[in-house]
Each structure stands twice: as structure tokens, then as C-alpha cells.
């Protein structure tokens, strides 16, 4: 198990409503700032030139995963392992698969259902888990790749809010 210093404010997620994972050293508790045990890193993304990793915390389900900045990853083996798994095509622990629907052929893709990238699926799954715990907010803004999407889990649609066409597509979540 690796260790990660947990931020007081994770981006794109709310903090778990209960105390965080047990501290492997430091002050502990769920308030942030301590060092916590990690099962593995599920994904990475870049926001404004800064790298973040989606952390699967030891002893907690996926609803408690958080995006943490690279400088908080204290165990370089965590990053090395995640990159090796991604390079080999191995499962990074994603229990579900997300797909979007193309009404017509586009960019060399046939009409029909197409899988999200691993990083995109991890981002949408995290937003979905957050929505399940707080469904009052129907729509979530999700950054994936070079675009920002407005995702409506009640309607199971995504709208590209960066592209001038603002195309709305159906999405679906498949349990594997």
C-alpha cells in the first residue's frame, strides 16, 4: 500500500461525509493534511498544466475516491504501477464502463455506442458516484480531455459545452 498526503480541498469532488482512511502517520482523521494509505491510483488527468491522480483509498469504496495533486503522491511506486498497468492495458480497477452514442458517423467512428477513454470513464464515474450521494444537483460539469461537458445523470446525456455545436449525446453506464 502506498501513501498520499491528502489535500484539504480536492478538486471536482466533495470530501467524504465520514472520516477518511486511517492515517499511516501524522495527525490522521478526515480533515485533510495527514498521510493516508492508498490501494492504488485509478487514473490521471492534467488541469491547467498540473497533474492529478484519482486515488482509491484503502478500506473505502469508490464513492470516496478523490483527485489529488501529483505533489501529494508520496510513494512514487503508486505512479509507476499505474503507468505500467495503463501501458499494458490492464484493468485499473474500474468496475464499470461508460459509453456515448453517435447518431451519425463522425471522425472515422461509425454511428452507435463507443467507449469512453479510461481517464474519461474515471472522471464520469466519480461524478456519478457524487450524484448518487447528492442527487439534488441534477447536472454536473465534467472536464474530459480537451472539452468540458455538462452531464445530466437523470436523462443520461452529456452536452459538450466547449464546442460551438453544443452537441447533446446519450450516455450509458455498463456494469462489467
Protein backbone atom coordinates (compact mmCIF):
# COMPACT_ATOMS: atom_id res chain seq x y z
CA UNK A 1 0.00 0.00 0.00
CA UNK A 2 1.27 3.43 -0.90
CA UNK A 3 0.87 6.71 0.91
CA UNK A 4 -0.61 10.00 -0.19
CA UNK A 5 -0.84 13.35 1.55
CA UNK A 6 -4.46 14.33 1.29
CA UNK A 7 -5.39 17.87 0.27
CA UNK A 8 -7.76 19.90 2.38
CA UNK A 9 -9.66 20.72 -0.82
CA UNK A 10 -9.79 18.12 -3.59
CA UNK A 11 -10.87 19.39 -6.98
CA UNK A 12 -14.07 18.18 -8.61
CA UNK A 13 -15.18 16.19 -5.57
CA UNK A 14 -16.73 16.67 -2.22
CA UNK A 15 -14.98 15.28 0.81
CA UNK A 16 -16.33 12.02 2.20
CA UNK A 17 -19.04 12.69 4.75
CA UNK A 18 -17.42 10.34 7.23
CA UNK A 19 -13.85 10.30 8.43
CA UNK A 20 -11.23 9.44 5.83
CA UNK A 21 -8.95 6.41 5.72
CA UNK A 22 -6.77 5.66 8.73
CA UNK A 23 -3.62 7.68 8.85
CA UNK A 24 -0.40 5.79 8.23
CA UNK A 25 1.42 8.62 10.01
CA UNK A 26 0.75 12.17 11.04
CA UNK A 27 -2.36 13.67 12.58
CA UNK A 28 -4.89 11.45 10.80
CA UNK A 29 -8.64 11.97 10.73
CA UNK A 30 -10.70 13.01 7.75
CA UNK A 31 -9.89 16.71 7.88
CA UNK A 32 -7.03 16.55 5.41
CA UNK A 33 -3.37 17.33 5.78
CA UNK A 34 -2.36 13.88 7.11
CA UNK A 35 -0.82 10.94 5.30
CA UNK A 36 -3.20 8.15 4.31
CA UNK A 37 -3.00 4.60 2.98
CA UNK A 38 -3.93 4.02 -0.64
CA UNK A 39 -4.98 0.88 -2.51
CA UNK A 40 -3.94 2.21 -5.94
CA UNK A 41 -4.22 5.09 -8.38
CA UNK A 42 -7.08 4.67 -10.87
CA UNK A 43 -6.44 7.44 -13.39
CA UNK A 44 -4.58 10.67 -14.06
CA UNK A 45 -5.52 13.97 -15.66
CA UNK A 46 -3.97 17.34 -16.33
CA UNK A 47 -5.71 20.57 -15.31
CA UNK A 48 -4.04 23.85 -16.22
CA UNK A 49 -0.70 22.07 -16.65
CA UNK A 50 -0.89 20.36 -13.24
CA UNK A 51 -1.19 16.56 -12.92
CA UNK A 52 -3.80 14.98 -10.65
CA UNK A 53 -4.34 11.32 -9.77
CA UNK A 54 -7.61 9.60 -8.89
CA UNK A 55 -6.86 7.88 -5.58
CA UNK A 56 -8.61 4.69 -4.40
CA UNK A 57 -8.29 4.92 -0.60
CA UNK A 58 -7.59 1.75 1.40
CA UNK A 59 -10.71 0.43 3.14
CA UNK A 60 -13.15 2.73 1.33
CA UNK A 61 -15.43 2.21 -1.65
CA UNK A 62 -15.19 4.14 -4.91
CA UNK A 63 -17.58 6.84 -3.71
CA UNK A 64 -14.70 8.11 -1.53
CA UNK A 65 -12.11 8.31 -4.34
CA UNK A 66 -10.60 11.78 -4.74
CA UNK A 67 -8.40 13.61 -7.23
CA UNK A 68 -5.11 14.53 -5.58
CA UNK A 69 -2.29 16.70 -6.98
CA UNK A 70 0.91 14.93 -8.01
CA UNK A 71 2.92 16.54 -5.20
CA UNK A 72 0.72 14.72 -2.66
CA UNK A 73 1.68 11.31 -4.01
CA UNK A 74 4.45 10.40 -1.56
CA UNK A 75 5.10 6.89 -2.87
CA UNK A 76 6.50 7.04 -6.44
CA UNK A 77 5.69 3.31 -6.83
CA UNK A 78 1.98 4.22 -6.97
CA UNK A 79 2.52 6.32 -10.10
CA UNK A 80 4.90 3.77 -11.60
CA UNK A 81 2.37 0.93 -11.04
CA UNK A 82 -0.50 2.93 -12.53
CA UNK A 83 1.51 3.83 -15.63
CA UNK A 84 2.65 0.22 -16.08
CA UNK A 85 -0.95 -1.06 -15.84
CA UNK A 86 -2.18 1.60 -18.25
CA UNK A 87 0.60 0.77 -20.74
CA UNK A 88 -0.17 -2.94 -20.58
CA UNK A 89 -3.91 -2.31 -20.94
CA UNK A 90 -4.57 -3.91 -17.56
CA UNK A 91 -7.69 -3.03 -15.61
CA UNK A 92 -7.08 -0.08 -13.28
CA UNK A 93 -9.91 -1.14 -11.03
CA UNK A 94 -12.76 0.40 -12.97
CA UNK A 95 -15.84 -1.64 -12.04
CA UNK A 96 -17.99 -0.08 -14.77
CA UNK A 97 -17.73 1.05 -18.36
CA UNK A 98 -19.14 4.32 -19.75
CA UNK A 99 -20.21 4.77 -23.36
CA UNK A 100 -21.56 7.62 -25.51
CA UNK A 101 -23.80 7.36 -28.58
CA UNK A 102 -23.03 8.81 -32.02
CA UNK A 103 -26.16 9.41 -34.10
CA UNK A 104 -24.12 9.52 -37.31
CA UNK A 105 -20.55 8.63 -38.31
CA UNK A 106 -18.01 11.15 -37.06
CA UNK A 107 -14.21 11.42 -37.03
CA UNK A 108 -13.85 7.93 -38.55
CA UNK A 109 -16.20 6.34 -35.99
CA UNK A 110 -19.37 4.53 -37.01
CA UNK A 111 -22.77 5.51 -35.66
CA UNK A 112 -23.56 3.66 -32.43
CA UNK A 113 -22.17 3.25 -28.92
CA UNK A 114 -18.48 3.99 -28.24
CA UNK A 115 -16.46 3.57 -25.02
CA UNK A 116 -15.08 6.50 -23.07
CA UNK A 117 -11.33 6.62 -22.62
CA UNK A 118 -10.17 5.13 -19.30
CA UNK A 119 -9.50 8.62 -17.95
CA UNK A 120 -12.86 9.93 -19.17
CA UNK A 121 -14.70 6.96 -17.65
CA UNK A 122 -12.97 7.54 -14.30
CA UNK A 123 -13.95 11.22 -14.29
CA UNK A 124 -17.59 10.50 -15.19
CA UNK A 125 -17.80 7.62 -12.71
CA UNK A 126 -16.57 9.89 -9.94
CA UNK A 127 -19.20 12.50 -10.85
CA UNK A 128 -21.84 9.73 -10.99
CA UNK A 129 -20.91 8.48 -7.50
CA UNK A 130 -21.09 12.06 -6.21
CA UNK A 131 -24.51 12.50 -7.89
CA UNK A 132 -25.80 9.30 -6.26
CA UNK A 133 -24.96 10.72 -2.83
CA UNK A 134 -26.36 14.19 -3.63
CA UNK A 135 -28.95 13.90 -6.44
CA UNK A 136 -30.40 17.35 -5.72
CA UNK A 137 -27.93 18.79 -8.23
CA UNK A 138 -29.08 17.15 -11.47
CA UNK A 139 -26.27 18.29 -13.76
CA UNK A 140 -22.53 18.02 -13.25
CA UNK A 141 -19.75 19.77 -15.18
CA UNK A 142 -17.04 17.31 -16.15
CA UNK A 143 -13.70 18.02 -17.85
CA UNK A 144 -12.51 15.18 -20.04
CA UNK A 145 -9.67 15.51 -22.50
CA UNK A 146 -9.80 18.91 -24.16
CA UNK A 147 -13.53 19.51 -23.63
CA UNK A 148 -15.87 20.40 -20.80
CA UNK A 149 -19.16 18.52 -20.67
CA UNK A 150 -22.42 19.09 -18.87
CA UNK A 151 -23.56 15.65 -17.74
CA UNK A 152 -27.17 15.01 -16.74
CA UNK A 153 -27.43 11.66 -14.95
CA UNK A 154 -31.24 11.83 -14.72
CA UNK A 155 -31.51 11.98 -18.52
CA UNK A 156 -28.23 10.10 -19.10
CA UNK A 157 -26.93 12.71 -21.54
CA UNK A 158 -23.79 14.76 -21.98
CA UNK A 159 -23.50 18.10 -23.73
CA UNK A 160 -20.21 19.45 -24.99
CA UNK A 161 -20.26 22.99 -23.61
CA UNK A 162 -16.88 23.97 -25.11
CA UNK A 163 -17.64 23.07 -28.75
CA UNK A 164 -19.70 25.66 -30.68
CA UNK A 165 -22.26 22.99 -31.74
CA UNK A 166 -23.10 22.11 -28.09
CA UNK A 167 -24.00 18.59 -29.24
CA UNK A 168 -26.04 16.51 -26.79
CA UNK A 169 -25.34 12.76 -26.77
CA UNK A 170 -26.86 9.84 -24.94
CA UNK A 171 -24.57 8.12 -22.45
CA UNK A 172 -24.82 4.84 -20.58
CA UNK A 173 -23.15 3.08 -17.68
CA UNK A 174 -22.46 -0.64 -18.04
CA UNK A 175 -21.63 -2.79 -15.02
CA UNK A 176 -18.93 -5.24 -16.01
